[in-house]
Amino acid sequence: MLRTLLLSLALVSLSAVEAARAVVIWDGPSVSYTQPAADAANSANWDTLTGQVAITRATSQGLFNPLDESGYAFNASPAGTEWAFSLNNAGLPLADITASNYANLSFQPWQVAVDSSPPDSVGVPGVLHLIAEDIYLDFEFTSWRLRPGDGSGFAWTRAGAPVPELGTGLLLAAGLGGLGYSRRLARSRSRRAASTPSSFSR
């Protein structure tokens, strides 16, 4: 009975963990990134966010995802992303342009979201959505060079991934393991008690 109850609790907890993973808000330590050079063929010039999305820029044009694209595609890049700024969320206070408020924001491809004027997005809070992984994160561009040449094409600050924590499922698994140890200890003590005389002669 107890085993069944504990297994049921474990399944419920694991289901809750999976449900929580449906949408991920990055709230880890802030990351400040400046593209070292506008050589997009070199991964050293990518800000790699996940295994599916990296952000870079070549010597001209806009941002793209080098993990999925060979270059910038007008009104489509970076692949696998969508963006929200005050520029494409007219009427919303800047304080509302946050990852935690993603459900109330309008997201569009980067070029559309910046209204075809990337320099106007510098210093403006934004939210990036990594579509496949359903991750939302706050960011703000701090620099945008019109002609990157051999230098940096862009710089930004963004939220980092959350610092891993011991989840509910792991805690419960640890508890179940501890329960097993406690039962073994109790059996061991019971065997020792049975083999020990209750009295002895001096």
Protein backbone atom coordinates (compact mmCIF):
# COMPACT_ATOMS: atom_id res chain seq x y z
CA MET A 1 0.00 0.00 0.00
CA LEU A 2 2.75 2.42 0.99
CA ARG A 3 4.79 1.45 -2.09
CA THR A 4 1.80 2.09 -4.36
CA LEU A 5 1.19 5.49 -2.75
CA LEU A 6 4.84 6.49 -3.11
CA LEU A 7 4.95 5.41 -6.75
CA SER A 8 1.77 7.38 -7.44
CA LEU A 9 3.32 10.46 -5.83
CA ALA A 10 6.45 9.96 -7.92
CA LEU A 11 4.41 9.82 -11.14
CA VAL A 12 2.45 12.93 -10.19
CA SER A 13 5.66 14.79 -9.37
CA LEU A 14 7.34 13.76 -12.60
CA SER A 15 4.24 14.79 -14.55
CA ALA A 16 4.37 18.19 -12.85
CA VAL A 17 8.03 18.55 -13.79
CA GLU A 18 7.25 17.70 -17.43
CA ALA A 19 4.38 20.19 -17.47
CA ALA A 20 6.64 22.88 -16.06
CA ARG A 21 9.07 22.23 -18.90
CA ALA A 22 6.46 23.16 -21.51
CA VAL A 23 7.48 26.83 -21.20
CA VAL A 24 10.88 27.86 -19.88
CA ILE A 25 11.69 31.38 -18.71
CA TRP A 26 15.41 32.03 -18.58
CA ASP A 27 16.18 33.92 -15.39
CA GLY A 28 19.80 32.96 -14.86
CA PRO A 29 22.78 35.31 -14.54
CA SER A 30 22.90 38.12 -17.12
CA VAL A 31 25.20 37.53 -20.10
CA SER A 32 26.95 40.42 -21.87
CA TYR A 33 28.00 39.47 -25.39
CA THR A 34 29.91 41.44 -28.00
CA GLN A 35 30.49 39.73 -31.32
CA PRO A 36 34.30 39.59 -31.65
CA ALA A 37 34.29 39.91 -35.44
CA ALA A 38 31.80 39.76 -38.29
CA ASP A 39 33.15 36.48 -39.66
CA ALA A 40 29.99 34.41 -39.35
CA ALA A 41 31.73 31.27 -40.65
CA ASN A 42 33.76 31.13 -37.43
CA SER A 43 31.83 29.78 -34.45
CA ALA A 44 33.94 32.01 -32.19
CA ASN A 45 31.74 34.84 -33.50
CA TRP A 46 28.45 33.22 -32.51
CA ASP A 47 26.52 33.71 -29.31
CA THR A 48 25.37 30.11 -28.88
CA LEU A 49 22.26 29.96 -26.74
CA THR A 50 21.26 26.29 -27.08
CA GLY A 51 22.04 23.31 -29.25
CA GLN A 52 19.51 24.60 -31.78
CA VAL A 53 19.99 28.38 -31.75
CA ALA A 54 23.03 30.61 -32.07
CA ILE A 55 22.98 34.29 -33.05
CA THR A 56 25.54 35.88 -35.35
CA ARG A 57 25.94 38.51 -38.05
CA ALA A 58 28.07 38.71 -41.19
CA THR A 59 29.77 41.79 -42.65
CA SER A 60 26.38 43.18 -43.69
CA GLN A 61 22.65 42.62 -43.33
CA GLY A 62 20.96 41.18 -40.26
CA LEU A 63 21.12 38.47 -37.64
CA PHE A 64 20.84 34.79 -38.46
CA ASN A 65 21.12 31.37 -36.84
CA PRO A 66 24.28 29.69 -38.18
CA LEU A 67 23.18 26.33 -36.74
CA ASP A 68 20.29 26.28 -39.21
CA GLU A 69 21.11 28.88 -41.89
CA SER A 70 24.06 29.70 -44.12
CA GLY A 71 23.25 33.40 -44.05
CA TYR A 72 20.64 36.06 -43.40
CA ALA A 73 17.21 35.59 -45.01
CA PHE A 74 15.05 38.70 -45.26
CA ASN A 75 12.09 38.69 -42.85
CA ALA A 76 12.82 35.09 -41.78
CA SER A 77 16.12 35.03 -39.87
CA PRO A 78 17.27 34.04 -37.36
CA ALA A 79 15.66 30.64 -37.95
CA GLY A 80 13.86 29.13 -34.98
CA THR A 81 13.30 32.47 -33.25
CA GLU A 82 10.71 35.20 -32.86
CA TRP A 83 11.09 38.57 -31.19
CA ALA A 84 9.12 41.10 -29.19
CA PHE A 85 10.05 44.77 -28.69
CA SER A 86 8.11 47.87 -27.77
CA LEU A 87 8.44 48.58 -31.54
CA ASN A 88 6.06 45.74 -32.39
CA ASN A 89 4.01 45.96 -29.19
CA ALA A 90 2.69 49.48 -29.48
CA GLY A 91 0.77 50.69 -26.46
CA LEU A 92 2.48 48.39 -23.96
CA PRO A 93 4.66 50.07 -21.33
CA LEU A 94 8.34 49.19 -21.54
CA ALA A 95 8.05 47.56 -18.12
CA ASP A 96 5.69 44.97 -19.66
CA ILE A 97 8.19 43.84 -22.30
CA THR A 98 9.51 40.96 -20.21
CA ALA A 99 9.89 37.21 -20.64
CA SER A 100 7.56 36.56 -17.71
CA ASN A 101 4.85 38.47 -19.61
CA TYR A 102 5.35 36.50 -22.83
CA ALA A 103 1.70 35.48 -23.10
CA ASN A 104 0.66 39.11 -23.58
CA LEU A 105 3.31 40.00 -26.16
CA SER A 106 3.25 39.98 -29.94
CA PHE A 107 6.20 38.07 -31.48
CA GLN A 108 7.44 38.39 -35.04
CA PRO A 109 10.55 37.61 -37.12
CA TRP A 110 13.45 39.84 -36.08
CA GLN A 111 13.42 42.10 -39.17
CA VAL A 112 9.68 42.74 -38.79
CA ALA A 113 9.94 43.25 -35.03
CA VAL A 114 12.58 45.99 -35.42
CA ASP A 115 10.54 47.62 -38.22
CA SER A 116 13.50 47.19 -40.62
CA SER A 117 15.57 49.60 -38.52
CA PRO A 118 17.94 47.62 -36.25
CA PRO A 119 19.65 50.71 -34.80
CA ASP A 120 16.31 51.79 -33.33
CA SER A 121 16.28 48.59 -31.23
CA VAL A 122 19.46 49.55 -29.35
CA GLY A 123 18.68 50.34 -25.72
CA VAL A 124 15.13 49.01 -26.05
CA PRO A 125 14.10 46.02 -23.90
CA GLY A 126 13.05 42.95 -25.81
CA VAL A 127 12.06 39.31 -25.41
CA LEU A 128 13.42 36.49 -27.53
CA HIS A 129 11.48 33.27 -28.04
CA LEU A 130 13.39 30.11 -29.00
CA ILE A 131 10.49 28.40 -30.67
CA ALA A 132 11.42 24.68 -30.74
CA GLU A 133 12.49 24.64 -27.10
CA ASP A 134 9.78 27.10 -25.99
CA ILE A 135 12.31 29.26 -24.14
CA TYR A 136 11.72 32.95 -23.44
CA LEU A 137 14.45 35.35 -22.36
CA ASP A 138 14.89 39.07 -21.80
CA PHE A 139 17.55 40.93 -23.77
CA GLU A 140 18.65 44.39 -24.87
CA PHE A 141 20.94 45.36 -27.74
CA THR A 142 23.74 47.65 -26.62
CA SER A 143 25.38 48.16 -30.01
CA TRP A 144 24.57 47.80 -33.70
CA ARG A 145 27.11 48.71 -36.36
CA LEU A 146 25.70 49.75 -39.70
CA ARG A 147 28.86 48.56 -41.47
CA PRO A 148 30.53 45.89 -39.36
CA GLY A 149 33.44 45.32 -41.78
CA ASP A 150 36.06 43.36 -39.86
CA GLY A 151 34.75 44.47 -36.47
CA SER A 152 31.85 43.52 -34.26
CA GLY A 153 28.42 43.56 -35.82
CA PHE A 154 26.37 43.73 -32.62
CA ALA A 155 26.43 43.53 -28.85
CA TRP A 156 23.72 42.74 -26.35
CA THR A 157 22.95 41.72 -22.82
CA ARG A 158 20.59 38.84 -22.25
CA ALA A 159 19.32 36.52 -19.56
CA GLY A 160 21.26 33.32 -19.10
CA ALA A 161 19.88 29.85 -18.62
CA PRO A 162 18.50 29.11 -15.15
CA VAL A 163 20.95 27.67 -12.65
CA PRO A 164 20.11 23.95 -12.33
CA GLU A 165 18.33 22.97 -9.13
CA LEU A 166 17.48 19.61 -7.59
CA GLY A 167 13.97 19.07 -8.94
CA THR A 168 10.97 17.59 -7.18
CA GLY A 169 11.35 14.30 -9.05
CA LEU A 170 14.97 13.94 -7.99
CA LEU A 171 14.14 14.79 -4.40
CA LEU A 172 11.39 12.18 -4.36
CA ALA A 173 13.70 9.60 -5.96
CA ALA A 174 16.26 10.35 -3.26
CA GLY A 175 13.51 9.90 -0.65
CA LEU A 176 12.50 6.54 -2.12
CA GLY A 177 16.13 5.46 -2.07
CA GLY A 178 16.37 6.52 1.56
CA LEU A 179 13.23 4.56 2.37
CA GLY A 180 14.80 1.43 0.89
CA TYR A 181 17.92 1.96 2.99
CA SER A 182 15.80 2.46 6.12
CA ARG A 183 13.97 -0.83 5.48
CA ARG A 184 17.25 -2.72 5.02
CA LEU A 185 18.60 -1.18 8.22
CA ALA A 186 15.46 -2.16 10.12
CA ARG A 187 15.69 -5.79 8.86
CA SER A 188 19.36 -5.93 9.83
CA ARG A 189 18.61 -4.69 13.34
CA SER A 190 15.75 -7.17 13.66
CA ARG A 191 18.05 -10.08 12.74
CA ARG A 192 20.68 -8.93 15.24
CA ALA A 193 18.06 -8.60 18.00
CA ALA A 194 16.76 -12.11 17.33
CA SER A 195 20.22 -13.65 17.56
CA THR A 196 21.16 -11.82 20.78
CA PRO A 197 20.21 -13.61 24.07
CA SER A 198 17.81 -11.66 26.26
CA SER A 199 19.85 -12.56 29.36
CA PHE A 200 23.19 -14.17 30.20
CA SER A 201 24.94 -15.72 33.18
CA ARG A 202 27.82 -14.05 34.88
